[in-house]
Amino acid sequence: MKFNKKVKVLIVDDSIVYRRFLSKAISADPGIEVVATAKDPYDARDKIIEYGPDVMTLDLEMPKMNGIEFLQKLMPQYPLPVVVISSMSKSIFDALNAGAVDFITK
């Protein structure tokens, strides 16, 4: 028996242009489905509850709450794999210590 379950991804970034770009790039893989995008951590929390993603991509520089703070609040309640995608390479260790599983620079 063959299972074709796609990996469900949530993209979190305050830039609509980057959300669209990343969504298109990730969706090119037939084994991955972008189930939702979010513009900030509060929107992301709602989307996590609604869509139950398997993985989340997260920008660190966002309005209302930065990505590190969001990771620290998120992980105790929703411990899902998070890949941080940011231009803030100096924050790599902070992101990994807060629960991110990987860090990709923009």
PDB file of N, CA and C in Angstrom:
ATOM      1  N   MET A   1       0.849  -1.175   0.000  1.00  0.00           N
ATOM      2  CA  MET A   1       0.000   0.000   0.000  1.00  0.00           C
ATOM      3  C   MET A   1       0.895   1.239   0.000  1.00  0.00           C
ATOM      4  N   LYS A   2       0.575   2.220  -0.823  1.00  0.00           N
ATOM      5  CA  LYS A   2       1.371   3.428  -0.949  1.00  0.00           C
ATOM      6  C   LYS A   2       0.594   4.621  -0.396  1.00  0.00           C
ATOM      7  N   PHE A   3       1.252   5.375   0.473  1.00  0.00           N
ATOM      8  CA  PHE A   3       0.635   6.566   1.036  1.00  0.00           C
ATOM      9  C   PHE A   3       1.232   7.790   0.358  1.00  0.00           C
ATOM     10  N   ASN A   4       0.391   8.675  -0.088  1.00  0.00           N
ATOM     11  CA  ASN A   4       0.845   9.888  -0.759  1.00  0.00           C
ATOM     12  C   ASN A   4       0.469  11.129   0.033  1.00  0.00           C
ATOM     13  N   LYS A   5       0.696  11.094   1.326  1.00  0.00           N
ATOM     14  CA  LYS A   5       0.365  12.238   2.165  1.00  0.00           C
ATOM     15  C   LYS A   5       1.372  13.364   1.920  1.00  0.00           C
ATOM     16  N   LYS A   6       0.864  14.509   1.558  1.00  0.00           N
ATOM     17  CA  LYS A   6       1.728  15.659   1.337  1.00  0.00           C
ATOM     18  C   LYS A   6       2.093  16.311   2.667  1.00  0.00           C
ATOM     19  N   VAL A   7       3.275  16.888   2.723  1.00  0.00           N
ATOM     20  CA  VAL A   7       3.708  17.658   3.880  1.00  0.00           C
ATOM     21  C   VAL A   7       3.006  19.008   3.810  1.00  0.00           C
ATOM     22  N   LYS A   8       2.289  19.353   4.888  1.00  0.00           N
ATOM     23  CA  LYS A   8       1.537  20.614   4.934  1.00  0.00           C
ATOM     24  C   LYS A   8       2.421  21.715   5.523  1.00  0.00           C
ATOM     25  N   VAL A   9       2.549  22.823   4.788  1.00  0.00           N
ATOM     26  CA  VAL A   9       3.435  23.911   5.185  1.00  0.00           C
ATOM     27  C   VAL A   9       2.648  25.203   5.405  1.00  0.00           C
ATOM     28  N   LEU A  10       3.019  25.923   6.459  1.00  0.00           N
ATOM     29  CA  LEU A  10       2.513  27.268   6.733  1.00  0.00           C
ATOM     30  C   LEU A  10       3.681  28.229   6.543  1.00  0.00           C
ATOM     31  N   ILE A  11       3.482  29.279   5.752  1.00  0.00           N
ATOM     32  CA  ILE A  11       4.509  30.288   5.500  1.00  0.00           C
ATOM     33  C   ILE A  11       4.151  31.550   6.277  1.00  0.00           C
ATOM     34  N   VAL A  12       5.092  32.023   7.117  1.00  0.00           N
ATOM     35  CA  VAL A  12       4.854  33.218   7.927  1.00  0.00           C
ATOM     36  C   VAL A  12       5.898  34.272   7.572  1.00  0.00           C
ATOM     37  N   ASP A  13       5.434  35.371   6.992  1.00  0.00           N
ATOM     38  CA  ASP A  13       6.318  36.468   6.593  1.00  0.00           C
ATOM     39  C   ASP A  13       5.450  37.706   6.418  1.00  0.00           C
ATOM     40  N   ASP A  14       5.950  38.862   6.843  1.00  0.00           N
ATOM     41  CA  ASP A  14       5.149  40.079   6.719  1.00  0.00           C
ATOM     42  C   ASP A  14       5.114  40.619   5.290  1.00  0.00           C
ATOM     43  N   SER A  15       6.003  40.163   4.433  1.00  0.00           N
ATOM     44  CA  SER A  15       6.033  40.616   3.038  1.00  0.00           C
ATOM     45  C   SER A  15       5.143  39.735   2.165  1.00  0.00           C
ATOM     46  N   ILE A  16       4.110  40.334   1.587  1.00  0.00           N
ATOM     47  CA  ILE A  16       3.221  39.565   0.717  1.00  0.00           C
ATOM     48  C   ILE A  16       3.972  39.064  -0.515  1.00  0.00           C
ATOM     49  N   VAL A  17       4.924  39.843  -1.000  1.00  0.00           N
ATOM     50  CA  VAL A  17       5.717  39.429  -2.160  1.00  0.00           C
ATOM     51  C   VAL A  17       6.515  38.174  -1.816  1.00  0.00           C
ATOM     52  N   TYR A  18       7.152  38.172  -0.650  1.00  0.00           N
ATOM     53  CA  TYR A  18       7.947  37.008  -0.269  1.00  0.00           C
ATOM     54  C   TYR A  18       7.057  35.801   0.030  1.00  0.00           C
ATOM     55  N   ARG A  19       5.893  36.037   0.646  1.00  0.00           N
ATOM     56  CA  ARG A  19       4.970  34.915   0.895  1.00  0.00           C
ATOM     57  C   ARG A  19       4.567  34.262  -0.423  1.00  0.00           C
ATOM     58  N   ARG A  20       4.260  35.071  -1.420  1.00  0.00           N
ATOM     59  CA  ARG A  20       3.873  34.527  -2.734  1.00  0.00           C
ATOM     60  C   ARG A  20       5.031  33.787  -3.396  1.00  0.00           C
ATOM     61  N   PHE A  21       6.227  34.384  -3.346  1.00  0.00           N
ATOM     62  CA  PHE A  21       7.403  33.758  -3.947  1.00  0.00           C
ATOM     63  C   PHE A  21       7.694  32.412  -3.285  1.00  0.00           C
ATOM     64  N   LEU A  22       7.744  32.398  -1.968  1.00  0.00           N
ATOM     65  CA  LEU A  22       8.064  31.167  -1.246  1.00  0.00           C
ATOM     66  C   LEU A  22       6.980  30.118  -1.443  1.00  0.00           C
ATOM     67  N   SER A  23       5.737  30.541  -1.459  1.00  0.00           N
ATOM     68  CA  SER A  23       4.632  29.613  -1.684  1.00  0.00           C
ATOM     69  C   SER A  23       4.750  28.937  -3.045  1.00  0.00           C
ATOM     70  N   LYS A  24       5.070  29.722  -4.059  1.00  0.00           N
ATOM     71  CA  LYS A  24       5.223  29.168  -5.405  1.00  0.00           C
ATOM     72  C   LYS A  24       6.413  28.212  -5.465  1.00  0.00           C
ATOM     73  N   ALA A  25       7.524  28.596  -4.856  1.00  0.00           N
ATOM     74  CA  ALA A  25       8.725  27.755  -4.876  1.00  0.00           C
ATOM     75  C   ALA A  25       8.497  26.433  -4.143  1.00  0.00           C
ATOM     76  N   ILE A  26       7.880  26.496  -2.977  1.00  0.00           N
ATOM     77  CA  ILE A  26       7.635  25.286  -2.183  1.00  0.00           C
ATOM     78  C   ILE A  26       6.606  24.396  -2.867  1.00  0.00           C
ATOM     79  N   SER A  27       5.583  24.997  -3.437  1.00  0.00           N
ATOM     80  CA  SER A  27       4.518  24.226  -4.089  1.00  0.00           C
ATOM     81  C   SER A  27       4.985  23.493  -5.339  1.00  0.00           C
ATOM     82  N   ALA A  28       6.154  23.845  -5.848  1.00  0.00           N
ATOM     83  CA  ALA A  28       6.692  23.154  -7.022  1.00  0.00           C
ATOM     84  C   ALA A  28       7.033  21.698  -6.705  1.00  0.00           C
ATOM     85  N   ASP A  29       7.223  21.398  -5.434  1.00  0.00           N
ATOM     86  CA  ASP A  29       7.493  20.014  -5.017  1.00  0.00           C
ATOM     87  C   ASP A  29       6.157  19.295  -4.866  1.00  0.00           C
ATOM     88  N   PRO A  30       5.930  18.211  -5.602  1.00  0.00           N
ATOM     89  CA  PRO A  30       4.633  17.524  -5.535  1.00  0.00           C
ATOM     90  C   PRO A  30       4.337  16.878  -4.185  1.00  0.00           C
ATOM     91  N   GLY A  31       5.343  16.756  -3.335  1.00  0.00           N
ATOM     92  CA  GLY A  31       5.126  16.151  -2.026  1.00  0.00           C
ATOM     93  C   GLY A  31       4.825  17.163  -0.934  1.00  0.00           C
ATOM     94  N   ILE A  32       4.734  18.437  -1.324  1.00  0.00           N
ATOM     95  CA  ILE A  32       4.513  19.508  -0.352  1.00  0.00           C
ATOM     96  C   ILE A  32       3.298  20.327  -0.753  1.00  0.00           C
ATOM     97  N   GLU A  33       2.491  20.683   0.236  1.00  0.00           N
ATOM     98  CA  GLU A  33       1.321  21.539   0.008  1.00  0.00           C
ATOM     99  C   GLU A  33       1.383  22.726   0.957  1.00  0.00           C
ATOM    100  N   VAL A  34       1.363  23.936   0.414  1.00  0.00           N
ATOM    101  CA  VAL A  34       1.273  25.132   1.245  1.00  0.00           C
ATOM    102  C   VAL A  34      -0.195  25.283   1.617  1.00  0.00           C
ATOM    103  N   VAL A  35      -0.514  25.039   2.886  1.00  0.00           N
ATOM    104  CA  VAL A  35      -1.915  25.067   3.317  1.00  0.00           C
ATOM    105  C   VAL A  35      -2.376  26.464   3.694  1.00  0.00           C
ATOM    106  N   ALA A  36      -1.417  27.347   4.041  1.00  0.00           N
ATOM    107  CA  ALA A  36      -1.792  28.704   4.424  1.00  0.00           C
ATOM    108  C   ALA A  36      -0.552  29.579   4.487  1.00  0.00           C
ATOM    109  N   THR A  37      -0.797  30.893   4.448  1.00  0.00           N
ATOM    110  CA  THR A  37       0.255  31.873   4.693  1.00  0.00           C
ATOM    111  C   THR A  37      -0.259  32.816   5.772  1.00  0.00           C
ATOM    112  N   ALA A  38       0.676  33.456   6.473  1.00  0.00           N
ATOM    113  CA  ALA A  38       0.299  34.377   7.542  1.00  0.00           C
ATOM    114  C   ALA A  38       1.213  35.590   7.504  1.00  0.00           C
ATOM    115  N   LYS A  39       0.653  36.758   7.827  1.00  0.00           N
ATOM    116  CA  LYS A  39       1.396  38.010   7.742  1.00  0.00           C
ATOM    117  C   LYS A  39       2.105  38.392   9.033  1.00  0.00           C
ATOM    118  N   ASP A  40       1.747  37.758  10.145  1.00  0.00           N
ATOM    119  CA  ASP A  40       2.375  38.054  11.427  1.00  0.00           C
ATOM    120  C   ASP A  40       2.137  36.880  12.383  1.00  0.00           C
ATOM    121  N   PRO A  41       2.804  36.875  13.540  1.00  0.00           N
ATOM    122  CA  PRO A  41       2.655  35.756  14.471  1.00  0.00           C
ATOM    123  C   PRO A  41       1.225  35.514  14.957  1.00  0.00           C
ATOM    124  N   TYR A  42       0.445  36.547  15.118  1.00  0.00           N
ATOM    125  CA  TYR A  42      -0.934  36.354  15.591  1.00  0.00           C
ATOM    126  C   TYR A  42      -1.775  35.642  14.530  1.00  0.00           C
ATOM    127  N   ASP A  43      -1.599  36.057  13.287  1.00  0.00           N
ATOM    128  CA  ASP A  43      -2.263  35.396  12.167  1.00  0.00           C
ATOM    129  C   ASP A  43      -1.770  33.949  12.062  1.00  0.00           C
ATOM    130  N   ALA A  44      -0.469  33.751  12.266  1.00  0.00           N
ATOM    131  CA  ALA A  44       0.116  32.402  12.188  1.00  0.00           C
ATOM    132  C   ALA A  44      -0.483  31.472  13.236  1.00  0.00           C
ATOM    133  N   ARG A  45      -0.652  31.964  14.451  1.00  0.00           N
ATOM    134  CA  ARG A  45      -1.226  31.128  15.506  1.00  0.00           C
ATOM    135  C   ARG A  45      -2.613  30.643  15.103  1.00  0.00           C
ATOM    136  N   ASP A  46      -3.421  31.530  14.568  1.00  0.00           N
ATOM    137  CA  ASP A  46      -4.763  31.145  14.115  1.00  0.00           C
ATOM    138  C   ASP A  46      -4.698  30.106  12.993  1.00  0.00           C
ATOM    139  N   LYS A  47      -3.756  30.282  12.069  1.00  0.00           N
ATOM    140  CA  LYS A  47      -3.619  29.347  10.949  1.00  0.00           C
ATOM    141  C   LYS A  47      -3.105  27.982  11.422  1.00  0.00           C
ATOM    142  N   ILE A  48      -2.257  27.968  12.446  1.00  0.00           N
ATOM    143  CA  ILE A  48      -1.779  26.695  13.008  1.00  0.00           C
ATOM    144  C   ILE A  48      -2.955  25.913  13.566  1.00  0.00           C
ATOM    145  N   ILE A  49      -3.812  26.592  14.298  1.00  0.00           N
ATOM    146  CA  ILE A  49      -4.991  25.940  14.879  1.00  0.00           C
ATOM    147  C   ILE A  49      -5.931  25.455  13.775  1.00  0.00           C
ATOM    148  N   GLU A  50      -6.144  26.281  12.767  1.00  0.00           N
ATOM    149  CA  GLU A  50      -7.093  25.946  11.702  1.00  0.00           C
ATOM    150  C   GLU A  50      -6.591  24.851  10.756  1.00  0.00           C
ATOM    151  N   TYR A  51      -5.316  24.913  10.365  1.00  0.00           N
ATOM    152  CA  TYR A  51      -4.813  24.026   9.313  1.00  0.00           C
ATOM    153  C   TYR A  51      -3.918  22.888   9.797  1.00  0.00           C
ATOM    154  N   GLY A  52      -3.390  22.971  11.016  1.00  0.00           N
ATOM    155  CA  GLY A  52      -2.529  21.910  11.531  1.00  0.00           C
ATOM    156  C   GLY A  52      -1.358  21.574  10.627  1.00  0.00           C
ATOM    157  N   PRO A  53      -0.517  22.573  10.296  1.00  0.00           N
ATOM    158  CA  PRO A  53       0.601  22.297   9.393  1.00  0.00           C
ATOM    159  C   PRO A  53       1.611  21.326  10.007  1.00  0.00           C
ATOM    160  N   ASP A  54       2.340  20.643   9.127  1.00  0.00           N
ATOM    161  CA  ASP A  54       3.410  19.747   9.567  1.00  0.00           C
ATOM    162  C   ASP A  54       4.702  20.516   9.802  1.00  0.00           C
ATOM    163  N   VAL A  55       4.883  21.606   9.055  1.00  0.00           N
ATOM    164  CA  VAL A  55       6.096  22.419   9.092  1.00  0.00           C
ATOM    165  C   VAL A  55       5.701  23.878   8.901  1.00  0.00           C
ATOM    166  N   MET A  56       6.499  24.785   9.493  1.00  0.00           N
ATOM    167  CA  MET A  56       6.257  26.210   9.313  1.00  0.00           C
ATOM    168  C   MET A  56       7.554  26.893   8.913  1.00  0.00           C
ATOM    169  N   THR A  57       7.478  27.823   7.954  1.00  0.00           N
ATOM    170  CA  THR A  57       8.608  28.706   7.675  1.00  0.00           C
ATOM    171  C   THR A  57       8.306  30.017   8.385  1.00  0.00           C
ATOM    172  N   LEU A  58       9.344  30.664   8.901  1.00  0.00           N
ATOM    173  CA  LEU A  58       9.131  31.847   9.733  1.00  0.00           C
ATOM    174  C   LEU A  58      10.190  32.901   9.475  1.00  0.00           C
ATOM    175  N   ASP A  59       9.746  34.114   9.193  1.00  0.00           N
ATOM    176  CA  ASP A  59      10.633  35.271   9.112  1.00  0.00           C
ATOM    177  C   ASP A  59      10.826  35.784  10.534  1.00  0.00           C
ATOM    178  N   LEU A  60      11.970  36.406  10.815  1.00  0.00           N
ATOM    179  CA  LEU A  60      12.210  36.919  12.162  1.00  0.00           C
ATOM    180  C   LEU A  60      11.767  38.356  12.342  1.00  0.00           C
ATOM    181  N   GLU A  61      11.857  39.163  11.296  1.00  0.00           N
ATOM    182  CA  GLU A  61      11.510  40.578  11.397  1.00  0.00           C
ATOM    183  C   GLU A  61      10.073  40.789  10.949  1.00  0.00           C
ATOM    184  N   MET A  62       9.187  40.937  11.937  1.00  0.00           N
ATOM    185  CA  MET A  62       7.772  41.142  11.633  1.00  0.00           C
ATOM    186  C   MET A  62       7.179  42.145  12.612  1.00  0.00           C
ATOM    187  N   PRO A  63       6.093  42.804  12.215  1.00  0.00           N
ATOM    188  CA  PRO A  63       5.426  43.724  13.134  1.00  0.00           C
ATOM    189  C   PRO A  63       4.703  42.963  14.241  1.00  0.00           C
ATOM    190  N   LYS A  64       4.420  43.644  15.306  1.00  0.00           N
ATOM    191  CA  LYS A  64       3.647  43.138  16.443  1.00  0.00           C
ATOM    192  C   LYS A  64       4.446  42.219  17.359  1.00  0.00           C
ATOM    193  N   MET A  65       5.219  41.280  16.797  1.00  0.00           N
ATOM    194  CA  MET A  65       6.030  40.366  17.598  1.00  0.00           C
ATOM    195  C   MET A  65       7.127  39.808  16.693  1.00  0.00           C
ATOM    196  N   ASN A  66       8.373  39.793  17.187  1.00  0.00           N
ATOM    197  CA  ASN A  66       9.427  39.241  16.335  1.00  0.00           C
ATOM    198  C   ASN A  66       9.390  37.716  16.344  1.00  0.00           C
ATOM    199  N   GLY A  67      10.072  37.117  15.388  1.00  0.00           N
ATOM    200  CA  GLY A  67      10.032  35.671  15.216  1.00  0.00           C
ATOM    201  C   GLY A  67      10.595  34.882  16.383  1.00  0.00           C
ATOM    202  N   ILE A  68      11.645  35.402  17.032  1.00  0.00           N
ATOM    203  CA  ILE A  68      12.240  34.705  18.182  1.00  0.00           C
ATOM    204  C   ILE A  68      11.228  34.631  19.322  1.00  0.00           C
ATOM    205  N   GLU A  69      10.613  35.756  19.632  1.00  0.00           N
ATOM    206  CA  GLU A  69       9.599  35.785  20.695  1.00  0.00           C
ATOM    207  C   GLU A  69       8.439  34.845  20.356  1.00  0.00           C
ATOM    208  N   PHE A  70       8.031  34.849  19.100  1.00  0.00           N
ATOM    209  CA  PHE A  70       6.950  33.961  18.670  1.00  0.00           C
ATOM    210  C   PHE A  70       7.336  32.495  18.860  1.00  0.00           C
ATOM    211  N   LEU A  71       8.557  32.135  18.480  1.00  0.00           N
ATOM    212  CA  LEU A  71       9.023  30.756  18.670  1.00  0.00           C
ATOM    213  C   LEU A  71       8.972  30.356  20.142  1.00  0.00           C
ATOM    214  N   GLN A  72       9.422  31.251  21.008  1.00  0.00           N
ATOM    215  CA  GLN A  72       9.439  30.958  22.444  1.00  0.00           C
ATOM    216  C   GLN A  72       8.031  30.730  22.987  1.00  0.00           C
ATOM    217  N   LYS A  73       7.060  31.453  22.469  1.00  0.00           N
ATOM    218  CA  LYS A  73       5.672  31.276  22.912  1.00  0.00           C
ATOM    219  C   LYS A  73       4.999  30.090  22.229  1.00  0.00           C
ATOM    220  N   LEU A  74       5.386  29.818  20.987  1.00  0.00           N
ATOM    221  CA  LEU A  74       4.755  28.774  20.189  1.00  0.00           C
ATOM    222  C   LEU A  74       5.126  27.361  20.630  1.00  0.00           C
ATOM    223  N   MET A  75       6.403  27.117  20.835  1.00  0.00           N
ATOM    224  CA  MET A  75       6.905  25.761  21.044  1.00  0.00           C
ATOM    225  C   MET A  75       6.261  24.993  22.202  1.00  0.00           C
ATOM    226  N   PRO A  76       6.011  25.623  23.342  1.00  0.00           N
ATOM    227  CA  PRO A  76       5.371  24.851  24.422  1.00  0.00           C
ATOM    228  C   PRO A  76       3.975  24.336  24.055  1.00  0.00           C
ATOM    229  N   GLN A  77       3.227  25.086  23.252  1.00  0.00           N
ATOM    230  CA  GLN A  77       1.861  24.694  22.887  1.00  0.00           C
ATOM    231  C   GLN A  77       1.785  23.918  21.581  1.00  0.00           C
ATOM    232  N   TYR A  78       2.573  24.320  20.595  1.00  0.00           N
ATOM    233  CA  TYR A  78       2.514  23.729  19.254  1.00  0.00           C
ATOM    234  C   TYR A  78       3.935  23.399  18.783  1.00  0.00           C
ATOM    235  N   PRO A  79       4.499  22.319  19.266  1.00  0.00           N
ATOM    236  CA  PRO A  79       5.897  21.993  18.928  1.00  0.00           C
ATOM    237  C   PRO A  79       6.059  21.401  17.526  1.00  0.00           C
ATOM    238  N   LEU A  80       5.929  22.244  16.516  1.00  0.00           N
ATOM    239  CA  LEU A  80       6.096  21.759  15.154  1.00  0.00           C
ATOM    240  C   LEU A  80       7.449  22.205  14.612  1.00  0.00           C
ATOM    241  N   PRO A  81       7.992  21.498  13.617  1.00  0.00           N
ATOM    242  CA  PRO A  81       9.264  21.911  13.027  1.00  0.00           C
ATOM    243  C   PRO A  81       9.133  23.282  12.364  1.00  0.00           C
ATOM    244  N   VAL A  82      10.079  24.164  12.674  1.00  0.00           N
ATOM    245  CA  VAL A  82      10.074  25.518  12.125  1.00  0.00           C
ATOM    246  C   VAL A  82      11.406  25.770  11.429  1.00  0.00           C
ATOM    247  N   VAL A  83      11.325  26.222  10.187  1.00  0.00           N
ATOM    248  CA  VAL A  83      12.505  26.631   9.440  1.00  0.00           C
ATOM    249  C   VAL A  83      12.465  28.150   9.355  1.00  0.00           C
ATOM    250  N   VAL A  84      13.452  28.796   9.960  1.00  0.00           N
ATOM    251  CA  VAL A  84      13.521  30.248   9.933  1.00  0.00           C
ATOM    252  C   VAL A  84      14.179  30.671   8.623  1.00  0.00           C
ATOM    253  N   ILE A  85      13.544  31.616   7.940  1.00  0.00           N
ATOM    254  CA  ILE A  85      14.081  32.170   6.698  1.00  0.00           C
ATOM    255  C   ILE A  85      14.171  33.674   6.911  1.00  0.00           C
ATOM    256  N   SER A  86      15.414  34.178   7.045  1.00  0.00           N
ATOM    257  CA  SER A  86      15.573  35.571   7.423  1.00  0.00           C
ATOM    258  C   SER A  86      16.878  36.148   6.900  1.00  0.00           C
ATOM    259  N   SER A  87      16.910  37.458   6.780  1.00  0.00           N
ATOM    260  CA  SER A  87      18.146  38.151   6.419  1.00  0.00           C
ATOM    261  C   SER A  87      18.976  38.451   7.665  1.00  0.00           C
ATOM    262  N   MET A  88      18.437  38.176   8.826  1.00  0.00           N
ATOM    263  CA  MET A  88      19.123  38.445  10.096  1.00  0.00           C
ATOM    264  C   MET A  88      20.001  37.253  10.491  1.00  0.00           C
ATOM    265  N   SER A  89      21.095  37.046   9.771  1.00  0.00           N
ATOM    266  CA  SER A  89      21.935  35.879  10.035  1.00  0.00           C
ATOM    267  C   SER A  89      22.566  35.917  11.421  1.00  0.00           C
ATOM    268  N   LYS A  90      22.667  37.092  12.033  1.00  0.00           N
ATOM    269  CA  LYS A  90      23.221  37.174  13.385  1.00  0.00           C
ATOM    270  C   LYS A  90      22.291  36.516  14.411  1.00  0.00           C
ATOM    271  N   SER A  91      21.065  36.249  14.039  1.00  0.00           N
ATOM    272  CA  SER A  91      20.090  35.654  14.960  1.00  0.00           C
ATOM    273  C   SER A  91      19.960  34.143  14.811  1.00  0.00           C
ATOM    274  N   ILE A  92      20.871  33.518  14.083  1.00  0.00           N
ATOM    275  CA  ILE A  92      20.783  32.074  13.848  1.00  0.00           C
ATOM    276  C   ILE A  92      20.689  31.303  15.155  1.00  0.00           C
ATOM    277  N   PHE A  93      21.626  31.557  16.060  1.00  0.00           N
ATOM    278  CA  PHE A  93      21.660  30.783  17.304  1.00  0.00           C
ATOM    279  C   PHE A  93      20.455  31.076  18.192  1.00  0.00           C
ATOM    280  N   ASP A  94      19.999  32.327  18.204  1.00  0.00           N
ATOM    281  CA  ASP A  94      18.794  32.656  18.973  1.00  0.00           C
ATOM    282  C   ASP A  94      17.596  31.875  18.443  1.00  0.00           C
ATOM    283  N   ALA A  95      17.471  31.808  17.126  1.00  0.00           N
ATOM    284  CA  ALA A  95      16.348  31.086  16.514  1.00  0.00           C
ATOM    285  C   ALA A  95      16.424  29.595  16.814  1.00  0.00           C
ATOM    286  N   LEU A  96      17.605  29.018  16.689  1.00  0.00           N
ATOM    287  CA  LEU A  96      17.762  27.589  16.969  1.00  0.00           C
ATOM    288  C   LEU A  96      17.526  27.286  18.444  1.00  0.00           C
ATOM    289  N   ASN A  97      18.011  28.152  19.324  1.00  0.00           N
ATOM    290  CA  ASN A  97      17.776  27.960  20.762  1.00  0.00           C
ATOM    291  C   ASN A  97      16.305  28.096  21.131  1.00  0.00           C
ATOM    292  N   ALA A  98      15.557  28.880  20.355  1.00  0.00           N
ATOM    293  CA  ALA A  98      14.129  29.071  20.630  1.00  0.00           C
ATOM    294  C   ALA A  98      13.276  27.938  20.070  1.00  0.00           C
ATOM    295  N   GLY A  99      13.889  27.032  19.287  1.00  0.00           N
ATOM    296  CA  GLY A  99      13.130  25.881  18.811  1.00  0.00           C
ATOM    297  C   GLY A  99      13.133  25.640  17.318  1.00  0.00           C
ATOM    298  N   ALA A 100      13.718  26.555  16.535  1.00  0.00           N
ATOM    299  CA  ALA A 100      13.783  26.335  15.086  1.00  0.00           C
ATOM    300  C   ALA A 100      14.650  25.113  14.794  1.00  0.00           C
ATOM    301  N   VAL A 101      14.311  24.383  13.734  1.00  0.00           N
ATOM    302  CA  VAL A 101      15.097  23.206  13.363  1.00  0.00           C
ATOM    303  C   VAL A 101      16.137  23.528  12.293  1.00  0.00           C
ATOM    304  N   ASP A 102      15.975  24.663  11.615  1.00  0.00           N
ATOM    305  CA  ASP A 102      16.933  25.050  10.584  1.00  0.00           C
ATOM    306  C   ASP A 102      16.811  26.545  10.337  1.00  0.00           C
ATOM    307  N   PHE A 103      17.823  27.115   9.687  1.00  0.00           N
ATOM    308  CA  PHE A 103      17.861  28.545   9.407  1.00  0.00           C
ATOM    309  C   PHE A 103      18.379  28.736   7.995  1.00  0.00           C
ATOM    310  N   ILE A 104      17.634  29.451   7.179  1.00  0.00           N
ATOM    311  CA  ILE A 104      18.036  29.753   5.807  1.00  0.00           C
ATOM    312  C   ILE A 104      18.086  31.268   5.671  1.00  0.00           C
ATOM    313  N   THR A 105      19.182  31.793   5.126  1.00  0.00           N
ATOM    314  CA  THR A 105      19.264  33.239   4.945  1.00  0.00           C
ATOM    315  C   THR A 105      18.605  33.650   3.636  1.00  0.00           C
ATOM    316  N   LYS A 106      17.949  34.806   3.678  1.00  0.00           N
ATOM    317  CA  LYS A 106      17.285  35.348   2.476  1.00  0.00           C
ATOM    318  C   LYS A 106      18.334  35.921   1.555  1.00  0.00           C
TER     319      LYS A 106
END
